[in-house]
């Protein structure tokens, strides 16, 4: 994985994009010694998005299961909407 500062990335931006698009290369970009961005192949981005979506779905499912175990009365979505005036 390549590491460049912002000035280097700016001057070689086309090459960096082509390396990601056609060579599958990842490039980390730093500013003042701190990593701030990355140029990655689009396939990597799609994989990351699927992983994030899967994690969000897992968290939602856990929250729903936990809510079902809480004491108290459960009400239907229809009744909740009516109660909230929606």
N, C-alpha and C. Protein backbone atom coordinates (compact mmCIF):
# COMPACT_ATOMS: atom_id res chain seq x y z
N UNK A 1 0.85 -1.17 0.00
CA UNK A 1 0.00 0.00 0.00
C UNK A 1 0.90 1.23 0.00
N UNK A 2 0.61 2.15 -0.88
CA UNK A 2 1.39 3.38 -1.00
C UNK A 2 0.91 4.41 0.03
N UNK A 3 1.83 5.23 0.48
CA UNK A 3 1.53 6.33 1.40
C UNK A 3 2.10 7.60 0.80
N UNK A 4 1.25 8.58 0.61
CA UNK A 4 1.67 9.86 0.04
C UNK A 4 1.13 11.00 0.87
N UNK A 5 1.84 12.14 0.83
CA UNK A 5 1.26 13.33 1.45
C UNK A 5 0.35 14.00 0.42
N UNK A 6 -0.39 14.98 0.86
CA UNK A 6 -1.38 15.63 0.00
C UNK A 6 -0.74 16.22 -1.26
N UNK A 7 0.41 16.86 -1.11
CA UNK A 7 1.07 17.47 -2.27
C UNK A 7 1.46 16.41 -3.30
N UNK A 8 2.00 15.29 -2.84
CA UNK A 8 2.36 14.20 -3.75
C UNK A 8 1.12 13.62 -4.43
N UNK A 9 0.06 13.46 -3.64
CA UNK A 9 -1.18 12.91 -4.19
C UNK A 9 -1.78 13.85 -5.24
N UNK A 10 -1.72 15.14 -4.96
CA UNK A 10 -2.26 16.12 -5.91
C UNK A 10 -1.52 16.05 -7.24
N UNK A 11 -0.22 15.96 -7.18
CA UNK A 11 0.55 15.98 -8.43
C UNK A 11 0.43 14.66 -9.20
N UNK A 12 0.12 13.58 -8.52
CA UNK A 12 0.00 12.30 -9.21
C UNK A 12 -1.38 11.71 -9.16
N UNK A 13 -2.40 12.57 -9.05
CA UNK A 13 -3.76 12.09 -8.83
C UNK A 13 -4.24 11.12 -9.92
N UNK A 14 -4.03 11.44 -11.18
CA UNK A 14 -4.47 10.56 -12.26
C UNK A 14 -3.83 9.18 -12.15
N UNK A 15 -2.55 9.16 -11.86
CA UNK A 15 -1.83 7.89 -11.72
C UNK A 15 -2.37 7.10 -10.52
N UNK A 16 -2.66 7.78 -9.43
CA UNK A 16 -3.20 7.12 -8.24
C UNK A 16 -4.56 6.50 -8.55
N UNK A 17 -5.42 7.26 -9.22
CA UNK A 17 -6.74 6.75 -9.58
C UNK A 17 -6.61 5.56 -10.52
N UNK A 18 -5.77 5.66 -11.52
CA UNK A 18 -5.58 4.54 -12.45
C UNK A 18 -5.03 3.31 -11.74
N UNK A 19 -4.11 3.52 -10.80
CA UNK A 19 -3.56 2.39 -10.04
C UNK A 19 -4.64 1.69 -9.24
N UNK A 20 -5.57 2.46 -8.70
CA UNK A 20 -6.68 1.86 -7.94
C UNK A 20 -7.65 1.15 -8.89
N UNK A 21 -8.02 1.84 -9.96
CA UNK A 21 -9.03 1.33 -10.87
C UNK A 21 -8.56 0.09 -11.64
N UNK A 22 -7.34 0.12 -12.10
CA UNK A 22 -6.88 -0.95 -13.00
C UNK A 22 -5.88 -1.90 -12.35
N UNK A 23 -5.25 -1.47 -11.25
CA UNK A 23 -4.25 -2.32 -10.61
C UNK A 23 -4.65 -2.80 -9.24
N UNK A 24 -5.80 -2.33 -8.75
CA UNK A 24 -6.25 -2.75 -7.43
C UNK A 24 -5.41 -2.20 -6.29
N UNK A 25 -4.65 -1.15 -6.56
CA UNK A 25 -3.73 -0.60 -5.57
C UNK A 25 -4.46 0.39 -4.65
N UNK A 26 -4.12 0.34 -3.37
CA UNK A 26 -4.66 1.28 -2.38
C UNK A 26 -3.60 2.31 -2.04
N UNK A 27 -4.03 3.56 -1.89
CA UNK A 27 -3.10 4.65 -1.56
C UNK A 27 -3.67 5.44 -0.39
N UNK A 28 -2.87 5.56 0.66
CA UNK A 28 -3.24 6.34 1.84
C UNK A 28 -2.63 7.74 1.68
N UNK A 29 -3.43 8.74 1.96
CA UNK A 29 -2.99 10.13 1.82
C UNK A 29 -2.93 10.77 3.20
N UNK A 30 -1.82 11.45 3.46
CA UNK A 30 -1.60 12.07 4.76
C UNK A 30 -1.46 13.58 4.63
N UNK A 31 -1.84 14.26 5.70
CA UNK A 31 -1.66 15.71 5.80
C UNK A 31 -1.02 15.97 7.16
N UNK A 32 0.08 16.67 7.16
CA UNK A 32 0.82 16.96 8.40
C UNK A 32 1.12 15.69 9.19
N UNK A 33 1.46 14.63 8.46
CA UNK A 33 1.83 13.37 9.09
C UNK A 33 0.68 12.52 9.59
N UNK A 34 -0.56 12.97 9.38
CA UNK A 34 -1.73 12.23 9.84
C UNK A 34 -2.49 11.68 8.64
N UNK A 35 -2.82 10.39 8.67
CA UNK A 35 -3.59 9.79 7.59
C UNK A 35 -4.99 10.38 7.57
N UNK A 36 -5.41 10.91 6.40
CA UNK A 36 -6.69 11.60 6.32
C UNK A 36 -7.64 11.02 5.27
N UNK A 37 -7.12 10.26 4.31
CA UNK A 37 -7.97 9.74 3.24
C UNK A 37 -7.27 8.57 2.57
N UNK A 38 -8.04 7.90 1.71
CA UNK A 38 -7.47 6.80 0.93
C UNK A 38 -8.15 6.74 -0.43
N UNK A 39 -7.40 6.34 -1.43
CA UNK A 39 -7.96 6.06 -2.75
C UNK A 39 -7.89 4.54 -2.89
N UNK A 40 -9.06 3.94 -3.07
CA UNK A 40 -9.15 2.48 -3.13
C UNK A 40 -9.94 2.05 -4.35
N UNK A 41 -9.76 0.81 -4.78
CA UNK A 41 -10.57 0.33 -5.90
C UNK A 41 -12.06 0.36 -5.53
N UNK A 42 -12.91 0.59 -6.50
CA UNK A 42 -14.35 0.68 -6.25
C UNK A 42 -14.89 -0.62 -5.66
N UNK A 43 -14.29 -1.75 -6.03
CA UNK A 43 -14.72 -3.03 -5.47
C UNK A 43 -14.52 -3.06 -3.96
N UNK A 44 -13.42 -2.47 -3.48
CA UNK A 44 -13.17 -2.39 -2.04
C UNK A 44 -14.24 -1.55 -1.35
N UNK A 45 -14.61 -0.45 -1.98
CA UNK A 45 -15.66 0.40 -1.41
C UNK A 45 -16.98 -0.35 -1.32
N UNK A 46 -17.34 -1.07 -2.37
CA UNK A 46 -18.60 -1.83 -2.35
C UNK A 46 -18.57 -2.89 -1.25
N UNK A 47 -17.43 -3.54 -1.06
CA UNK A 47 -17.31 -4.53 0.01
C UNK A 47 -17.47 -3.86 1.37
N UNK A 48 -16.82 -2.73 1.57
CA UNK A 48 -16.95 -2.00 2.84
C UNK A 48 -18.39 -1.59 3.10
N UNK A 49 -19.08 -1.13 2.07
CA UNK A 49 -20.48 -0.74 2.23
C UNK A 49 -21.35 -1.93 2.63
N UNK A 50 -21.10 -3.10 2.01
CA UNK A 50 -21.87 -4.30 2.37
C UNK A 50 -21.58 -4.70 3.81
N UNK A 51 -20.32 -4.60 4.22
CA UNK A 51 -19.96 -4.96 5.60
C UNK A 51 -20.62 -4.01 6.60
N UNK A 52 -20.63 -2.73 6.30
CA UNK A 52 -21.25 -1.75 7.19
C UNK A 52 -22.76 -2.01 7.26
N UNK A 53 -23.39 -2.26 6.11
CA UNK A 53 -24.82 -2.55 6.09
C UNK A 53 -25.13 -3.81 6.90
N UNK A 54 -24.30 -4.84 6.76
CA UNK A 54 -24.51 -6.09 7.50
C UNK A 54 -24.37 -5.85 8.99
N UNK A 55 -23.39 -5.04 9.39
CA UNK A 55 -23.20 -4.74 10.81
C UNK A 55 -24.39 -3.95 11.35
N UNK A 56 -24.89 -2.99 10.59
CA UNK A 56 -26.05 -2.21 11.02
C UNK A 56 -27.27 -3.12 11.16
N UNK A 57 -27.45 -4.04 10.21
CA UNK A 57 -28.56 -4.99 10.29
C UNK A 57 -28.43 -5.86 11.53
N UNK A 58 -27.21 -6.32 11.84
CA UNK A 58 -26.98 -7.15 13.02
C UNK A 58 -27.32 -6.38 14.30
N UNK A 59 -26.90 -5.12 14.35
CA UNK A 59 -27.18 -4.30 15.53
C UNK A 59 -28.68 -4.06 15.68
N UNK A 60 -29.38 -3.82 14.56
CA UNK A 60 -30.82 -3.63 14.60
C UNK A 60 -31.51 -4.88 15.12
N UNK A 61 -31.07 -6.04 14.65
CA UNK A 61 -31.67 -7.30 15.09
C UNK A 61 -31.44 -7.52 16.57
N UNK A 62 -30.23 -7.24 17.05
CA UNK A 62 -29.94 -7.36 18.48
C UNK A 62 -30.82 -6.43 19.30
N UNK A 63 -30.99 -5.19 18.83
CA UNK A 63 -31.82 -4.22 19.55
C UNK A 63 -33.28 -4.68 19.58
N UNK A 64 -33.76 -5.23 18.47
CA UNK A 64 -35.14 -5.73 18.43
C UNK A 64 -35.33 -6.89 19.38
N UNK A 65 -34.37 -7.82 19.40
CA UNK A 65 -34.47 -8.96 20.32
C UNK A 65 -34.46 -8.49 21.77
N UNK A 66 -33.60 -7.52 22.07
CA UNK A 66 -33.53 -6.98 23.43
C UNK A 66 -34.85 -6.30 23.80
N UNK A 67 -35.41 -5.55 22.88
CA UNK A 67 -36.68 -4.85 23.14
C UNK A 67 -37.80 -5.84 23.43
N UNK A 68 -37.79 -6.97 22.74
CA UNK A 68 -38.84 -7.97 22.96
C UNK A 68 -38.75 -8.61 24.34
N UNK A 69 -37.58 -8.58 24.96
CA UNK A 69 -37.43 -9.18 26.28
C UNK A 69 -37.72 -8.20 27.41
N UNK A 70 -37.90 -6.92 27.07
CA UNK A 70 -38.17 -5.92 28.11
C UNK A 70 -39.56 -6.14 28.69
N UNK A 71 -39.69 -5.90 29.99
CA UNK A 71 -41.01 -6.05 30.60
C UNK A 71 -41.95 -4.95 30.12
N UNK A 72 -43.21 -5.22 30.22
CA UNK A 72 -44.20 -4.24 29.83
C UNK A 72 -45.02 -4.73 28.66
N UNK A 73 -46.00 -3.94 28.31
CA UNK A 73 -46.92 -4.32 27.24
C UNK A 73 -46.34 -3.95 25.88
N UNK A 74 -46.48 -4.87 24.94
CA UNK A 74 -46.10 -4.59 23.57
C UNK A 74 -47.33 -4.09 22.83
N UNK A 75 -47.13 -3.11 21.94
CA UNK A 75 -48.25 -2.63 21.13
C UNK A 75 -47.87 -2.74 19.66
N UNK A 76 -48.88 -2.83 18.84
CA UNK A 76 -48.63 -2.98 17.41
C UNK A 76 -48.17 -1.64 16.82
N UNK A 77 -47.54 -1.72 15.67
CA UNK A 77 -47.11 -0.52 14.97
C UNK A 77 -48.32 0.35 14.63
N UNK A 78 -49.40 -0.28 14.24
CA UNK A 78 -50.63 0.46 13.90
C UNK A 78 -51.12 1.26 15.10
N UNK A 79 -51.14 0.63 16.27
CA UNK A 79 -51.59 1.32 17.48
C UNK A 79 -50.61 2.42 17.88
N UNK A 80 -49.31 2.18 17.72
CA UNK A 80 -48.33 3.20 18.06
C UNK A 80 -48.49 4.42 17.17
N UNK A 81 -48.69 4.20 15.87
CA UNK A 81 -48.90 5.33 14.95
C UNK A 81 -50.15 6.11 15.34
N UNK A 82 -51.20 5.39 15.71
CA UNK A 82 -52.45 6.06 16.11
C UNK A 82 -52.21 6.89 17.37
N UNK A 83 -51.48 6.32 18.32
CA UNK A 83 -51.18 7.01 19.57
C UNK A 83 -50.34 8.26 19.33
N UNK A 84 -49.44 8.19 18.36
CA UNK A 84 -48.57 9.33 18.06
C UNK A 84 -49.19 10.30 17.07
N UNK A 85 -50.36 9.96 16.55
CA UNK A 85 -51.03 10.82 15.59
C UNK A 85 -50.40 10.81 14.21
N UNK A 86 -49.83 9.70 13.84
CA UNK A 86 -49.18 9.60 12.53
C UNK A 86 -50.08 8.91 11.53
